Amino acid sequence: MKNTTEYEEIILGLQKSIDLKVFVQKVVGDSEIVVHTVRNTIHYVSLHLKSYKKEVRRLIFNFQCFNIILVPRMHNAATDALANATVRISPLRDRFSIKILYKPSILDNITNLHIFDDDQ
């Protein structure tokens, strides 16, 4: 579940950067599997994460320069604070936006999804 969440965060961040016309992107992650898989330095990916990797790799092509680095969780206090604030839905002085997800970015990984009438 942790790796799925990490992929969702990367996908949402990349999509937002594309919307904002960002051309250079640096992603910081604390999941070794996700970071190394996106970098193609390891090739093992569990079946349920393959679609996430494929989507991230597709989004990366929108940037002139892209880098993803691994930062150990214990050295990632700022990101953890942001994640905790987001979970509580308490923005820090309007410095970031919150997007509430109703379903995962990669639909083939859904095990329990209720389809609403307005879903396309």
N, C-alpha and C. Protein backbone atom coordinates (compact mmCIF):
# COMPACT_ATOMS: atom_id res chain seq x y z
N MET A 1 0.82 -1.20 0.00
CA MET A 1 0.00 0.00 0.00
C MET A 1 0.86 1.26 0.00
N LYS A 2 1.97 1.23 0.73
CA LYS A 2 2.86 2.39 0.80
C LYS A 2 3.37 2.77 -0.58
N ASN A 3 3.78 1.78 -1.37
CA ASN A 3 4.30 2.06 -2.71
C ASN A 3 3.22 2.61 -3.63
N THR A 4 2.01 2.09 -3.51
CA THR A 4 0.90 2.61 -4.31
C THR A 4 0.66 4.08 -3.98
N THR A 5 0.68 4.41 -2.70
CA THR A 5 0.50 5.79 -2.27
C THR A 5 1.60 6.68 -2.81
N GLU A 6 2.84 6.19 -2.76
CA GLU A 6 3.97 6.96 -3.27
C GLU A 6 3.80 7.23 -4.78
N TYR A 7 3.39 6.21 -5.52
CA TYR A 7 3.14 6.40 -6.95
C TYR A 7 2.02 7.41 -7.20
N GLU A 8 0.95 7.33 -6.43
CA GLU A 8 -0.16 8.29 -6.57
C GLU A 8 0.34 9.71 -6.34
N GLU A 9 1.17 9.90 -5.33
CA GLU A 9 1.72 11.24 -5.03
C GLU A 9 2.56 11.74 -6.20
N ILE A 10 3.40 10.87 -6.76
CA ILE A 10 4.24 11.26 -7.89
C ILE A 10 3.39 11.62 -9.09
N ILE A 11 2.40 10.80 -9.39
CA ILE A 11 1.53 11.05 -10.55
C ILE A 11 0.81 12.38 -10.40
N LEU A 12 0.23 12.63 -9.23
CA LEU A 12 -0.49 13.89 -9.02
C LEU A 12 0.45 15.08 -9.12
N GLY A 13 1.65 14.95 -8.55
CA GLY A 13 2.63 16.03 -8.63
C GLY A 13 3.08 16.31 -10.05
N LEU A 14 3.33 15.25 -10.81
CA LEU A 14 3.73 15.43 -12.21
C LEU A 14 2.61 16.06 -13.03
N GLN A 15 1.39 15.60 -12.81
CA GLN A 15 0.25 16.18 -13.54
C GLN A 15 0.09 17.66 -13.22
N LYS A 16 0.24 18.03 -11.95
CA LYS A 16 0.13 19.43 -11.55
C LYS A 16 1.26 20.25 -12.18
N SER A 17 2.47 19.71 -12.20
CA SER A 17 3.60 20.40 -12.81
C SER A 17 3.38 20.60 -14.31
N ILE A 18 2.83 19.62 -14.96
CA ILE A 18 2.52 19.73 -16.40
C ILE A 18 1.49 20.83 -16.61
N ASP A 19 0.44 20.84 -15.77
CA ASP A 19 -0.59 21.89 -15.86
C ASP A 19 0.00 23.29 -15.68
N LEU A 20 1.02 23.39 -14.82
CA LEU A 20 1.65 24.68 -14.54
C LEU A 20 2.76 25.01 -15.54
N LYS A 21 2.93 24.15 -16.54
CA LYS A 21 3.95 24.34 -17.59
C LYS A 21 5.37 24.36 -17.03
N VAL A 22 5.63 23.49 -16.07
CA VAL A 22 6.97 23.32 -15.52
C VAL A 22 7.75 22.44 -16.49
N PHE A 23 9.00 22.80 -16.77
CA PHE A 23 9.81 22.05 -17.72
C PHE A 23 10.93 21.25 -17.06
N VAL A 24 11.28 21.61 -15.83
CA VAL A 24 12.32 20.90 -15.09
C VAL A 24 11.69 20.41 -13.80
N GLN A 25 11.82 19.11 -13.53
CA GLN A 25 11.15 18.52 -12.38
C GLN A 25 12.12 17.67 -11.57
N LYS A 26 12.13 17.90 -10.26
CA LYS A 26 12.90 17.07 -9.33
C LYS A 26 11.91 16.48 -8.33
N VAL A 27 11.89 15.17 -8.23
CA VAL A 27 10.99 14.47 -7.31
C VAL A 27 11.83 13.86 -6.21
N VAL A 28 11.35 13.99 -4.99
CA VAL A 28 12.02 13.39 -3.84
C VAL A 28 11.08 12.33 -3.27
N GLY A 29 11.61 11.13 -3.10
CA GLY A 29 10.80 10.05 -2.56
C GLY A 29 11.52 9.30 -1.48
N ASP A 30 10.74 8.62 -0.62
CA ASP A 30 11.38 7.83 0.44
C ASP A 30 11.11 6.34 0.29
N SER A 31 10.55 5.94 -0.84
CA SER A 31 10.34 4.52 -1.12
C SER A 31 11.43 4.05 -2.08
N GLU A 32 12.33 3.19 -1.58
CA GLU A 32 13.42 2.71 -2.42
C GLU A 32 12.91 2.00 -3.67
N ILE A 33 11.90 1.18 -3.51
CA ILE A 33 11.38 0.43 -4.66
C ILE A 33 10.85 1.38 -5.72
N VAL A 34 10.07 2.37 -5.33
CA VAL A 34 9.50 3.30 -6.30
C VAL A 34 10.59 4.13 -6.98
N VAL A 35 11.48 4.70 -6.21
CA VAL A 35 12.54 5.55 -6.77
C VAL A 35 13.41 4.75 -7.74
N HIS A 36 13.86 3.58 -7.32
CA HIS A 36 14.73 2.79 -8.18
C HIS A 36 13.99 2.23 -9.41
N THR A 37 12.72 1.95 -9.26
CA THR A 37 11.94 1.47 -10.40
C THR A 37 11.73 2.58 -11.42
N VAL A 38 11.40 3.78 -10.96
CA VAL A 38 11.23 4.91 -11.89
C VAL A 38 12.55 5.22 -12.58
N ARG A 39 13.65 5.10 -11.87
CA ARG A 39 14.97 5.34 -12.46
C ARG A 39 15.42 4.22 -13.38
N ASN A 40 14.72 3.09 -13.36
CA ASN A 40 15.10 1.89 -14.10
C ASN A 40 16.41 1.28 -13.60
N THR A 41 16.70 1.45 -12.31
CA THR A 41 17.90 0.83 -11.76
C THR A 41 17.59 -0.53 -11.14
N ILE A 42 16.30 -0.82 -10.94
CA ILE A 42 15.86 -2.18 -10.64
C ILE A 42 14.70 -2.46 -11.58
N HIS A 43 14.55 -3.69 -11.95
CA HIS A 43 13.52 -4.02 -12.94
C HIS A 43 12.40 -4.87 -12.38
N TYR A 44 12.52 -5.29 -11.14
CA TYR A 44 11.43 -6.04 -10.54
C TYR A 44 10.33 -5.08 -10.11
N VAL A 45 9.16 -5.34 -10.59
CA VAL A 45 7.99 -4.57 -10.17
C VAL A 45 6.86 -5.56 -9.95
N SER A 46 6.21 -5.46 -8.81
CA SER A 46 5.06 -6.33 -8.59
C SER A 46 3.99 -6.01 -9.62
N LEU A 47 3.17 -6.98 -9.90
CA LEU A 47 2.17 -6.82 -10.96
C LEU A 47 1.27 -5.60 -10.74
N HIS A 48 0.88 -5.34 -9.50
CA HIS A 48 -0.04 -4.23 -9.26
C HIS A 48 0.63 -2.87 -9.38
N LEU A 49 1.97 -2.81 -9.43
CA LEU A 49 2.66 -1.53 -9.57
C LEU A 49 3.12 -1.25 -11.00
N LYS A 50 3.04 -2.22 -11.89
CA LYS A 50 3.52 -2.03 -13.26
C LYS A 50 2.77 -0.89 -13.97
N SER A 51 1.49 -0.81 -13.77
CA SER A 51 0.70 0.26 -14.42
C SER A 51 1.08 1.62 -13.88
N TYR A 52 1.38 1.69 -12.58
CA TYR A 52 1.82 2.95 -11.99
C TYR A 52 3.15 3.38 -12.59
N LYS A 53 4.09 2.46 -12.69
CA LYS A 53 5.39 2.79 -13.28
C LYS A 53 5.21 3.27 -14.71
N LYS A 54 4.37 2.60 -15.46
CA LYS A 54 4.13 2.97 -16.87
C LYS A 54 3.56 4.38 -16.96
N GLU A 55 2.64 4.74 -16.08
CA GLU A 55 2.04 6.08 -16.09
C GLU A 55 3.06 7.15 -15.72
N VAL A 56 3.88 6.88 -14.71
CA VAL A 56 4.93 7.83 -14.33
C VAL A 56 5.89 8.03 -15.49
N ARG A 57 6.32 6.95 -16.11
CA ARG A 57 7.26 7.05 -17.24
C ARG A 57 6.63 7.84 -18.39
N ARG A 58 5.32 7.69 -18.61
CA ARG A 58 4.63 8.45 -19.66
C ARG A 58 4.64 9.94 -19.34
N LEU A 59 4.37 10.28 -18.09
CA LEU A 59 4.32 11.69 -17.68
C LEU A 59 5.70 12.35 -17.73
N ILE A 60 6.75 11.59 -17.44
CA ILE A 60 8.11 12.14 -17.43
C ILE A 60 8.48 12.75 -18.78
N PHE A 61 7.96 12.20 -19.86
CA PHE A 61 8.30 12.70 -21.20
C PHE A 61 7.82 14.13 -21.45
N ASN A 62 7.02 14.68 -20.56
CA ASN A 62 6.56 16.06 -20.68
C ASN A 62 7.58 17.08 -20.17
N PHE A 63 8.68 16.60 -19.61
CA PHE A 63 9.67 17.49 -19.02
C PHE A 63 10.96 17.48 -19.82
N GLN A 64 11.59 18.63 -19.90
CA GLN A 64 12.90 18.71 -20.55
C GLN A 64 13.96 18.04 -19.69
N CYS A 65 13.81 18.15 -18.39
CA CYS A 65 14.75 17.57 -17.45
C CYS A 65 13.96 16.99 -16.28
N PHE A 66 14.26 15.75 -15.91
CA PHE A 66 13.57 15.09 -14.81
C PHE A 66 14.59 14.33 -13.97
N ASN A 67 14.43 14.41 -12.65
CA ASN A 67 15.27 13.63 -11.75
C ASN A 67 14.42 13.20 -10.56
N ILE A 68 14.66 11.99 -10.12
CA ILE A 68 14.01 11.49 -8.90
C ILE A 68 15.12 11.01 -7.98
N ILE A 69 15.07 11.45 -6.73
CA ILE A 69 16.11 11.07 -5.78
C ILE A 69 15.47 10.43 -4.55
N LEU A 70 16.25 9.58 -3.92
CA LEU A 70 15.81 8.90 -2.71
C LEU A 70 16.33 9.65 -1.49
N VAL A 71 15.42 9.98 -0.60
CA VAL A 71 15.79 10.61 0.67
C VAL A 71 15.23 9.72 1.77
N PRO A 72 16.08 9.23 2.66
CA PRO A 72 15.58 8.39 3.75
C PRO A 72 14.49 9.10 4.54
N ARG A 73 13.51 8.35 4.95
CA ARG A 73 12.36 8.91 5.66
C ARG A 73 12.77 9.76 6.86
N MET A 74 13.82 9.35 7.57
CA MET A 74 14.24 10.12 8.75
C MET A 74 14.82 11.48 8.36
N HIS A 75 15.22 11.67 7.10
CA HIS A 75 15.75 12.96 6.64
C HIS A 75 14.72 13.73 5.82
N ASN A 76 13.50 13.30 5.89
CA ASN A 76 12.45 13.86 5.05
C ASN A 76 11.35 14.49 5.90
N ALA A 77 11.73 15.19 6.96
CA ALA A 77 10.78 15.75 7.91
C ALA A 77 9.82 16.75 7.28
N ALA A 78 10.30 17.57 6.36
CA ALA A 78 9.43 18.58 5.73
C ALA A 78 8.32 17.92 4.93
N THR A 79 8.66 16.87 4.20
CA THR A 79 7.65 16.16 3.42
C THR A 79 6.66 15.46 4.33
N ASP A 80 7.16 14.84 5.40
CA ASP A 80 6.26 14.19 6.35
C ASP A 80 5.31 15.20 6.98
N ALA A 81 5.79 16.39 7.31
CA ALA A 81 4.94 17.43 7.89
C ALA A 81 3.85 17.85 6.90
N LEU A 82 4.23 17.98 5.63
CA LEU A 82 3.25 18.34 4.59
C LEU A 82 2.21 17.24 4.44
N ALA A 83 2.66 15.99 4.43
CA ALA A 83 1.73 14.87 4.31
C ALA A 83 0.77 14.83 5.48
N ASN A 84 1.27 15.05 6.69
CA ASN A 84 0.41 15.06 7.87
C ASN A 84 -0.60 16.21 7.82
N ALA A 85 -0.17 17.37 7.35
CA ALA A 85 -1.09 18.51 7.23
C ALA A 85 -2.16 18.21 6.20
N THR A 86 -1.78 17.56 5.13
CA THR A 86 -2.74 17.23 4.07
C THR A 86 -3.76 16.23 4.58
N VAL A 87 -3.30 15.24 5.32
CA VAL A 87 -4.22 14.25 5.87
C VAL A 87 -5.27 14.92 6.75
N ARG A 88 -4.85 15.91 7.51
CA ARG A 88 -5.78 16.63 8.38
C ARG A 88 -6.52 17.73 7.63
N ILE A 89 -6.18 17.93 6.37
CA ILE A 89 -6.77 18.97 5.52
C ILE A 89 -6.69 20.34 6.20
N SER A 90 -5.46 20.69 6.57
CA SER A 90 -5.23 22.01 7.14
C SER A 90 -4.07 22.67 6.38
N PRO A 91 -4.37 23.40 5.31
CA PRO A 91 -3.30 24.01 4.51
C PRO A 91 -2.43 24.97 5.32
N LEU A 92 -1.14 24.99 4.98
CA LEU A 92 -0.19 25.87 5.64
C LEU A 92 -0.16 27.21 4.92
N ARG A 93 -0.96 28.16 5.36
CA ARG A 93 -0.99 29.51 4.80
C ARG A 93 -1.14 29.53 3.28
N ASP A 94 -2.02 28.72 2.74
CA ASP A 94 -2.33 28.69 1.31
C ASP A 94 -1.10 28.44 0.42
N ARG A 95 -0.13 27.70 0.90
CA ARG A 95 1.07 27.44 0.11
C ARG A 95 0.95 26.19 -0.74
N PHE A 96 -0.10 25.44 -0.57
CA PHE A 96 -0.29 24.28 -1.42
C PHE A 96 -1.78 24.03 -1.55
N SER A 97 -2.13 23.26 -2.57
CA SER A 97 -3.53 22.93 -2.76
C SER A 97 -3.75 21.47 -2.38
N ILE A 98 -4.98 21.15 -2.09
CA ILE A 98 -5.34 19.80 -1.70
C ILE A 98 -6.30 19.25 -2.74
N LYS A 99 -6.01 18.06 -3.21
CA LYS A 99 -6.90 17.40 -4.15
C LYS A 99 -7.39 16.13 -3.49
N ILE A 100 -8.69 15.99 -3.37
CA ILE A 100 -9.26 14.81 -2.75
C ILE A 100 -9.53 13.80 -3.85
N LEU A 101 -8.93 12.63 -3.71
CA LEU A 101 -9.07 11.59 -4.72
C LEU A 101 -10.31 10.75 -4.44
N TYR A 102 -11.07 10.49 -5.47
CA TYR A 102 -12.21 9.62 -5.34
C TYR A 102 -11.91 8.21 -5.83
N LYS A 103 -10.89 8.11 -6.65
CA LYS A 103 -10.47 6.79 -7.15
C LYS A 103 -9.01 6.89 -7.55
N PRO A 104 -8.31 5.77 -7.57
CA PRO A 104 -6.89 5.77 -7.92
C PRO A 104 -6.65 6.23 -9.35
N SER A 105 -5.44 6.68 -9.63
CA SER A 105 -5.07 7.10 -10.97
C SER A 105 -5.05 5.93 -11.94
N ILE A 106 -4.66 4.78 -11.46
CA ILE A 106 -4.56 3.59 -12.29
C ILE A 106 -5.74 2.69 -11.97
N LEU A 107 -6.71 2.66 -12.86
CA LEU A 107 -7.97 1.99 -12.58
C LEU A 107 -7.88 0.47 -12.56
N ASP A 108 -6.90 -0.13 -13.22
CA ASP A 108 -6.84 -1.59 -13.22
C ASP A 108 -6.34 -2.16 -11.90
N ASN A 109 -5.99 -1.30 -10.95
CA ASN A 109 -5.54 -1.77 -9.65
C ASN A 109 -6.63 -1.68 -8.59
N ILE A 110 -7.83 -1.40 -8.99
CA ILE A 110 -8.91 -1.21 -8.04
C ILE A 110 -9.49 -2.56 -7.63
N THR A 111 -9.60 -2.77 -6.34
CA THR A 111 -10.23 -3.99 -5.86
C THR A 111 -11.62 -3.70 -5.28
N ASN A 112 -11.80 -2.52 -4.71
CA ASN A 112 -13.08 -2.17 -4.11
C ASN A 112 -13.46 -0.75 -4.52
N LEU A 113 -14.07 -0.60 -5.66
CA LEU A 113 -14.48 0.72 -6.13
C LEU A 113 -15.97 0.72 -6.39
N HIS A 114 -16.65 1.66 -5.77
CA HIS A 114 -18.07 1.84 -6.03
C HIS A 114 -18.21 2.83 -7.18
N ILE A 115 -18.89 2.46 -8.23
CA ILE A 115 -19.08 3.33 -9.39
C ILE A 115 -20.31 4.18 -9.14
N PHE A 116 -20.11 5.50 -9.25
CA PHE A 116 -21.20 6.42 -9.07
C PHE A 116 -21.80 6.77 -10.42
N ASP A 117 -23.03 7.26 -10.43
CA ASP A 117 -23.72 7.57 -11.67
C ASP A 117 -22.97 8.59 -12.52
N ASP A 118 -22.25 9.51 -11.90
CA ASP A 118 -21.57 10.56 -12.65
C ASP A 118 -20.17 10.16 -13.13
N ASP A 119 -19.71 8.95 -12.81
CA ASP A 119 -18.42 8.47 -13.33
C ASP A 119 -18.52 8.21 -14.82
N GLN A 120 -17.46 8.58 -15.52
CA GLN A 120 -17.44 8.38 -16.97
C GLN A 120 -16.76 7.06 -17.27
